[in-house]
């Protein structure tokens, strides 16, 4: 099961930085998915738990789920390339929409073969947090 973290922006940012450094050192992919729920009702604790359970069914044991303020979730996917992240993002979107929850999906990916976007990806946490 994926790790679920309900922590501060700093915790999210530091985890993203740590995993990005790991991706660089070990020449691995890293992707992040930003889920923004289109909520027309209150995001109660029980609904949040149901959403997280649904998300976790599509993730691996070393993936991370961060609940940010409002209706935003960040999924950090070590060793996941952009194509795989898109597939996971669309699967999660379909699962949530089956629960009558609309969701927007944004994806950011990094791989050392594409280092021209490194500076942008180093700020991945801030971008996701403020999207």
N, C-alpha and C. Protein backbone atom coordinates (compact mmCIF):
# COMPACT_ATOMS: atom_id res chain seq x y z
N UNK A 1 0.84 -1.19 0.00
CA UNK A 1 0.00 0.00 0.00
C UNK A 1 0.88 1.25 0.00
N UNK A 2 0.42 2.26 -0.67
CA UNK A 2 1.15 3.53 -0.72
C UNK A 2 1.17 4.17 0.66
N UNK A 3 2.16 5.02 0.85
CA UNK A 3 2.26 5.76 2.11
C UNK A 3 1.31 6.95 2.05
N UNK A 4 0.48 7.12 3.06
CA UNK A 4 -0.42 8.27 3.12
C UNK A 4 0.10 9.23 4.16
N UNK A 5 0.32 10.46 3.74
CA UNK A 5 0.86 11.47 4.63
C UNK A 5 -0.04 12.69 4.62
N UNK A 6 -0.45 13.11 5.79
CA UNK A 6 -1.21 14.34 5.94
C UNK A 6 -0.34 15.27 6.76
N UNK A 7 0.56 15.94 6.08
CA UNK A 7 1.54 16.77 6.75
C UNK A 7 1.58 18.16 6.13
N UNK A 8 2.55 18.90 6.55
CA UNK A 8 2.69 20.28 6.11
C UNK A 8 3.24 20.37 4.69
N UNK A 9 3.17 21.55 4.13
CA UNK A 9 3.75 21.84 2.84
C UNK A 9 5.23 21.52 2.86
N UNK A 10 5.91 21.84 3.96
CA UNK A 10 7.35 21.57 4.07
C UNK A 10 7.64 20.07 3.98
N UNK A 11 6.81 19.26 4.62
CA UNK A 11 6.98 17.81 4.57
C UNK A 11 6.81 17.30 3.14
N UNK A 12 5.81 17.80 2.45
CA UNK A 12 5.58 17.43 1.05
C UNK A 12 6.78 17.85 0.21
N UNK A 13 7.20 19.09 0.36
CA UNK A 13 8.33 19.61 -0.42
C UNK A 13 9.61 18.83 -0.14
N UNK A 14 9.88 18.52 1.13
CA UNK A 14 11.12 17.81 1.46
C UNK A 14 11.09 16.38 0.92
N UNK A 15 9.94 15.74 0.93
CA UNK A 15 9.83 14.39 0.36
C UNK A 15 10.05 14.43 -1.14
N UNK A 16 9.48 15.42 -1.81
CA UNK A 16 9.68 15.57 -3.25
C UNK A 16 11.15 15.82 -3.54
N UNK A 17 11.79 16.70 -2.79
CA UNK A 17 13.22 16.99 -2.99
C UNK A 17 14.07 15.74 -2.78
N UNK A 18 13.78 15.00 -1.71
CA UNK A 18 14.53 13.78 -1.41
C UNK A 18 14.38 12.76 -2.54
N UNK A 19 13.15 12.55 -3.00
CA UNK A 19 12.91 11.57 -4.06
C UNK A 19 13.49 12.04 -5.40
N UNK A 20 13.47 13.36 -5.64
CA UNK A 20 14.07 13.87 -6.87
C UNK A 20 15.58 13.66 -6.85
N UNK A 21 16.21 13.92 -5.72
CA UNK A 21 17.65 13.66 -5.59
C UNK A 21 17.96 12.18 -5.81
N UNK A 22 17.14 11.31 -5.27
CA UNK A 22 17.31 9.87 -5.47
C UNK A 22 17.19 9.51 -6.95
N UNK A 23 16.22 10.11 -7.63
CA UNK A 23 16.04 9.85 -9.06
C UNK A 23 17.27 10.30 -9.86
N UNK A 24 17.82 11.45 -9.49
CA UNK A 24 19.00 11.96 -10.18
C UNK A 24 20.20 11.04 -9.95
N UNK A 25 20.45 10.70 -8.70
CA UNK A 25 21.62 9.88 -8.34
C UNK A 25 21.55 8.50 -8.98
N UNK A 26 20.37 7.90 -9.00
CA UNK A 26 20.22 6.53 -9.48
C UNK A 26 19.69 6.44 -10.91
N UNK A 27 19.63 7.58 -11.60
CA UNK A 27 19.17 7.62 -12.99
C UNK A 27 17.80 6.95 -13.15
N UNK A 28 16.86 7.40 -12.35
CA UNK A 28 15.51 6.84 -12.33
C UNK A 28 14.48 7.91 -12.65
N UNK A 29 13.30 7.46 -12.99
CA UNK A 29 12.19 8.37 -13.24
C UNK A 29 11.50 8.74 -11.93
N UNK A 30 10.84 9.89 -11.95
CA UNK A 30 10.01 10.33 -10.83
C UNK A 30 8.85 11.13 -11.42
N UNK A 31 7.66 10.81 -11.00
CA UNK A 31 6.49 11.55 -11.46
C UNK A 31 5.65 11.98 -10.27
N UNK A 32 4.88 13.01 -10.49
CA UNK A 32 3.93 13.49 -9.48
C UNK A 32 2.61 13.76 -10.18
N UNK A 33 1.54 13.43 -9.49
CA UNK A 33 0.20 13.70 -9.99
C UNK A 33 -0.49 14.64 -9.01
N UNK A 34 -1.05 15.70 -9.52
CA UNK A 34 -1.87 16.60 -8.71
C UNK A 34 -3.32 16.30 -9.04
N UNK A 35 -4.08 15.91 -8.03
CA UNK A 35 -5.52 15.69 -8.18
C UNK A 35 -6.24 16.85 -7.51
N UNK A 36 -7.09 17.51 -8.25
CA UNK A 36 -7.93 18.57 -7.69
C UNK A 36 -9.37 18.12 -7.85
N UNK A 37 -10.02 17.91 -6.73
CA UNK A 37 -11.40 17.45 -6.75
C UNK A 37 -12.34 18.60 -7.00
N UNK A 38 -13.33 18.37 -7.82
CA UNK A 38 -14.36 19.36 -8.07
C UNK A 38 -15.51 19.10 -7.13
N UNK A 39 -15.36 19.53 -5.90
CA UNK A 39 -16.33 19.19 -4.87
C UNK A 39 -17.48 20.19 -4.85
N UNK A 40 -18.68 19.64 -4.87
CA UNK A 40 -19.87 20.47 -4.73
C UNK A 40 -20.47 20.30 -3.33
N UNK A 41 -19.72 19.61 -2.48
CA UNK A 41 -20.17 19.34 -1.13
C UNK A 41 -18.95 19.28 -0.24
N UNK A 42 -19.15 19.15 1.04
CA UNK A 42 -18.07 19.17 2.01
C UNK A 42 -17.22 17.90 1.94
N UNK A 43 -15.92 18.09 2.04
CA UNK A 43 -14.98 16.96 2.06
C UNK A 43 -14.84 16.50 3.51
N UNK A 44 -15.73 15.62 3.92
CA UNK A 44 -15.76 15.12 5.30
C UNK A 44 -14.61 14.14 5.54
N UNK A 45 -14.27 13.87 6.80
CA UNK A 45 -13.23 12.87 7.08
C UNK A 45 -13.54 11.49 6.48
N UNK A 46 -14.79 11.06 6.53
CA UNK A 46 -15.13 9.74 5.97
C UNK A 46 -15.00 9.73 4.45
N UNK A 47 -15.39 10.82 3.80
CA UNK A 47 -15.22 10.91 2.34
C UNK A 47 -13.74 10.98 1.98
N UNK A 48 -12.96 11.71 2.76
CA UNK A 48 -11.51 11.78 2.53
C UNK A 48 -10.91 10.39 2.62
N UNK A 49 -11.31 9.63 3.62
CA UNK A 49 -10.80 8.26 3.80
C UNK A 49 -11.17 7.39 2.60
N UNK A 50 -12.39 7.53 2.11
CA UNK A 50 -12.84 6.76 0.95
C UNK A 50 -12.04 7.14 -0.30
N UNK A 51 -11.78 8.42 -0.49
CA UNK A 51 -11.00 8.90 -1.63
C UNK A 51 -9.58 8.35 -1.56
N UNK A 52 -8.96 8.42 -0.39
CA UNK A 52 -7.60 7.93 -0.22
C UNK A 52 -7.54 6.42 -0.46
N UNK A 53 -8.50 5.69 0.04
CA UNK A 53 -8.55 4.24 -0.20
C UNK A 53 -8.65 3.93 -1.69
N UNK A 54 -9.45 4.70 -2.39
CA UNK A 54 -9.60 4.52 -3.83
C UNK A 54 -8.29 4.82 -4.55
N UNK A 55 -7.64 5.91 -4.18
CA UNK A 55 -6.37 6.29 -4.80
C UNK A 55 -5.33 5.20 -4.57
N UNK A 56 -5.24 4.72 -3.34
CA UNK A 56 -4.19 3.76 -2.97
C UNK A 56 -4.28 2.44 -3.73
N UNK A 57 -5.46 2.09 -4.23
CA UNK A 57 -5.58 0.83 -4.99
C UNK A 57 -4.78 0.87 -6.28
N UNK A 58 -4.45 2.05 -6.78
CA UNK A 58 -3.71 2.20 -8.03
C UNK A 58 -2.22 2.45 -7.82
N UNK A 59 -1.79 2.52 -6.57
CA UNK A 59 -0.40 2.90 -6.29
C UNK A 59 0.41 1.72 -5.76
N UNK A 60 1.73 1.90 -5.80
CA UNK A 60 2.67 0.90 -5.30
C UNK A 60 3.05 1.21 -3.86
N UNK A 61 3.69 0.27 -3.19
CA UNK A 61 4.02 0.43 -1.78
C UNK A 61 4.98 1.58 -1.51
N UNK A 62 5.78 1.98 -2.48
CA UNK A 62 6.74 3.06 -2.27
C UNK A 62 6.26 4.40 -2.81
N UNK A 63 5.01 4.48 -3.25
CA UNK A 63 4.42 5.75 -3.68
C UNK A 63 3.90 6.51 -2.45
N UNK A 64 3.72 7.80 -2.62
CA UNK A 64 3.26 8.67 -1.53
C UNK A 64 1.96 9.36 -1.93
N UNK A 65 1.10 9.56 -0.95
CA UNK A 65 -0.13 10.35 -1.12
C UNK A 65 -0.10 11.47 -0.09
N UNK A 66 -0.16 12.70 -0.55
CA UNK A 66 -0.23 13.86 0.34
C UNK A 66 -1.58 14.52 0.15
N UNK A 67 -2.28 14.77 1.23
CA UNK A 67 -3.52 15.56 1.20
C UNK A 67 -3.11 16.99 1.51
N UNK A 68 -3.32 17.88 0.56
CA UNK A 68 -3.02 19.28 0.77
C UNK A 68 -4.29 20.00 1.20
N UNK A 69 -4.19 21.28 1.39
CA UNK A 69 -5.37 22.04 1.81
C UNK A 69 -6.44 22.00 0.74
N UNK A 70 -7.64 22.15 1.17
CA UNK A 70 -8.76 22.14 0.24
C UNK A 70 -9.01 20.75 -0.32
N UNK A 71 -9.23 20.70 -1.61
CA UNK A 71 -9.55 19.44 -2.29
C UNK A 71 -8.39 18.94 -3.14
N UNK A 72 -7.15 19.19 -2.71
CA UNK A 72 -5.98 18.80 -3.50
C UNK A 72 -5.22 17.66 -2.86
N UNK A 73 -4.78 16.74 -3.72
CA UNK A 73 -3.95 15.63 -3.32
C UNK A 73 -2.75 15.59 -4.26
N UNK A 74 -1.58 15.29 -3.70
CA UNK A 74 -0.38 15.07 -4.51
C UNK A 74 0.02 13.62 -4.35
N UNK A 75 0.23 12.96 -5.48
CA UNK A 75 0.71 11.59 -5.50
C UNK A 75 2.14 11.63 -6.02
N UNK A 76 3.08 11.19 -5.24
CA UNK A 76 4.47 11.17 -5.63
C UNK A 76 4.83 9.73 -6.00
N UNK A 77 5.31 9.54 -7.23
CA UNK A 77 5.50 8.20 -7.79
C UNK A 77 6.94 7.96 -8.18
N UNK A 78 7.78 7.51 -7.24
CA UNK A 78 9.17 7.18 -7.59
C UNK A 78 9.21 6.04 -8.62
N UNK A 79 10.21 6.10 -9.47
CA UNK A 79 10.43 5.07 -10.49
C UNK A 79 9.22 4.89 -11.42
N UNK A 80 8.53 5.99 -11.67
CA UNK A 80 7.37 5.98 -12.57
C UNK A 80 7.61 7.02 -13.64
N UNK A 81 7.58 6.59 -14.90
CA UNK A 81 7.79 7.54 -16.00
C UNK A 81 6.47 8.25 -16.34
N UNK A 82 6.56 9.18 -17.27
CA UNK A 82 5.40 10.01 -17.59
C UNK A 82 4.25 9.16 -18.14
N UNK A 83 4.55 8.22 -19.02
CA UNK A 83 3.49 7.38 -19.59
C UNK A 83 2.76 6.61 -18.49
N UNK A 84 3.53 6.01 -17.58
CA UNK A 84 2.92 5.26 -16.48
C UNK A 84 2.11 6.18 -15.56
N UNK A 85 2.61 7.39 -15.34
CA UNK A 85 1.89 8.36 -14.50
C UNK A 85 0.56 8.76 -15.14
N UNK A 86 0.58 8.96 -16.44
CA UNK A 86 -0.67 9.31 -17.15
C UNK A 86 -1.67 8.16 -17.00
N UNK A 87 -1.19 6.93 -17.18
CA UNK A 87 -2.08 5.77 -17.05
C UNK A 87 -2.66 5.69 -15.63
N UNK A 88 -1.81 5.86 -14.61
CA UNK A 88 -2.31 5.83 -13.23
C UNK A 88 -3.28 6.97 -12.97
N UNK A 89 -2.93 8.17 -13.44
CA UNK A 89 -3.79 9.32 -13.24
C UNK A 89 -5.17 9.13 -13.85
N UNK A 90 -5.21 8.58 -15.06
CA UNK A 90 -6.49 8.37 -15.73
C UNK A 90 -7.29 7.24 -15.04
N UNK A 91 -6.59 6.23 -14.54
CA UNK A 91 -7.28 5.15 -13.82
C UNK A 91 -7.92 5.69 -12.54
N UNK A 92 -7.17 6.50 -11.82
CA UNK A 92 -7.69 7.09 -10.57
C UNK A 92 -8.86 8.03 -10.88
N UNK A 93 -8.73 8.81 -11.93
CA UNK A 93 -9.81 9.71 -12.33
C UNK A 93 -11.09 8.92 -12.62
N UNK A 94 -10.95 7.84 -13.35
CA UNK A 94 -12.11 6.99 -13.67
C UNK A 94 -12.73 6.40 -12.40
N UNK A 95 -11.87 5.93 -11.47
CA UNK A 95 -12.37 5.35 -10.23
C UNK A 95 -13.11 6.38 -9.38
N UNK A 96 -12.55 7.59 -9.28
CA UNK A 96 -13.20 8.63 -8.49
C UNK A 96 -14.50 9.10 -9.13
N UNK A 97 -14.50 9.21 -10.45
CA UNK A 97 -15.73 9.63 -11.14
C UNK A 97 -16.83 8.58 -11.00
N UNK A 98 -16.45 7.31 -10.85
CA UNK A 98 -17.44 6.25 -10.58
C UNK A 98 -18.12 6.47 -9.23
N UNK A 99 -17.41 7.18 -8.34
CA UNK A 99 -17.98 7.52 -7.03
C UNK A 99 -18.72 8.87 -7.07
N UNK A 100 -18.89 9.40 -8.27
CA UNK A 100 -19.56 10.70 -8.49
C UNK A 100 -18.73 11.87 -7.97
N UNK A 101 -17.40 11.73 -8.03
CA UNK A 101 -16.48 12.79 -7.63
C UNK A 101 -15.72 13.24 -8.87
N UNK A 102 -15.94 14.48 -9.30
CA UNK A 102 -15.20 14.97 -10.46
C UNK A 102 -13.78 15.36 -10.02
N UNK A 103 -12.83 15.19 -10.92
CA UNK A 103 -11.43 15.42 -10.58
C UNK A 103 -10.66 15.89 -11.80
N UNK A 104 -9.76 16.84 -11.56
CA UNK A 104 -8.81 17.28 -12.59
C UNK A 104 -7.47 16.65 -12.26
N UNK A 105 -6.73 16.24 -13.28
CA UNK A 105 -5.46 15.56 -13.10
C UNK A 105 -4.36 16.35 -13.80
N UNK A 106 -3.29 16.65 -13.05
CA UNK A 106 -2.10 17.28 -13.61
C UNK A 106 -0.90 16.40 -13.32
N UNK A 107 0.03 16.30 -14.27
CA UNK A 107 1.17 15.41 -14.12
C UNK A 107 2.47 16.16 -14.41
N UNK A 108 3.47 15.89 -13.57
CA UNK A 108 4.83 16.39 -13.77
C UNK A 108 5.76 15.20 -13.65
N UNK A 109 6.70 15.06 -14.61
CA UNK A 109 7.61 13.93 -14.60
C UNK A 109 9.04 14.39 -14.78
N UNK A 110 9.95 13.58 -14.25
CA UNK A 110 11.38 13.83 -14.38
C UNK A 110 12.09 12.53 -14.74
N UNK A 111 13.01 12.63 -15.66
CA UNK A 111 13.95 11.54 -15.91
C UNK A 111 15.27 12.17 -16.33
N UNK A 112 16.37 11.59 -15.89
CA UNK A 112 17.69 12.18 -16.13
C UNK A 112 18.01 12.33 -17.61
N UNK A 113 17.34 11.60 -18.47
CA UNK A 113 17.57 11.75 -19.91
C UNK A 113 17.04 13.09 -20.40
N UNK A 114 16.21 13.75 -19.60
CA UNK A 114 15.60 15.02 -19.97
C UNK A 114 15.92 16.07 -18.92
N UNK A 115 17.19 16.40 -18.77
CA UNK A 115 17.60 17.30 -17.69
C UNK A 115 17.36 18.77 -17.99
N UNK A 116 16.94 19.10 -19.21
CA UNK A 116 16.73 20.52 -19.51
C UNK A 116 15.64 21.13 -18.63
N UNK A 117 14.73 20.33 -18.11
CA UNK A 117 13.67 20.84 -17.25
C UNK A 117 13.98 20.67 -15.77
N UNK A 118 15.26 20.42 -15.44
CA UNK A 118 15.62 20.12 -14.06
C UNK A 118 15.24 21.24 -13.10
N UNK A 119 15.52 22.48 -13.44
CA UNK A 119 15.22 23.59 -12.54
C UNK A 119 13.71 23.66 -12.27
N UNK A 120 12.92 23.45 -13.30
CA UNK A 120 11.48 23.44 -13.12
C UNK A 120 11.07 22.30 -12.20
N UNK A 121 11.65 21.12 -12.42
CA UNK A 121 11.28 19.97 -11.60
C UNK A 121 11.77 20.09 -10.18
N UNK A 122 12.86 20.82 -9.94
CA UNK A 122 13.31 21.03 -8.58
C UNK A 122 12.30 21.81 -7.76
N UNK A 123 11.48 22.58 -8.45
CA UNK A 123 10.44 23.34 -7.76
C UNK A 123 9.07 22.64 -7.86
N UNK A 124 9.10 21.34 -8.14
CA UNK A 124 7.87 20.57 -8.33
C UNK A 124 6.93 20.71 -7.13
N UNK A 125 7.47 20.61 -5.94
CA UNK A 125 6.62 20.70 -4.75
C UNK A 125 5.89 22.01 -4.65
N UNK A 126 6.57 23.09 -4.89
CA UNK A 126 5.94 24.41 -4.82
C UNK A 126 4.90 24.56 -5.91
N UNK A 127 5.21 24.10 -7.09
CA UNK A 127 4.25 24.20 -8.19
C UNK A 127 3.00 23.39 -7.90
N UNK A 128 3.18 22.19 -7.40
CA UNK A 128 2.02 21.36 -7.08
C UNK A 128 1.21 21.95 -5.94
N UNK A 129 1.88 22.48 -4.97
CA UNK A 129 1.22 23.05 -3.79
C UNK A 129 0.35 24.24 -4.14
N UNK A 130 0.79 25.02 -5.14
CA UNK A 130 0.09 26.27 -5.47
C UNK A 130 -0.71 26.17 -6.76
N UNK A 131 -0.83 24.97 -7.32
CA UNK A 131 -1.57 24.82 -8.59
C UNK A 131 -3.05 25.06 -8.39
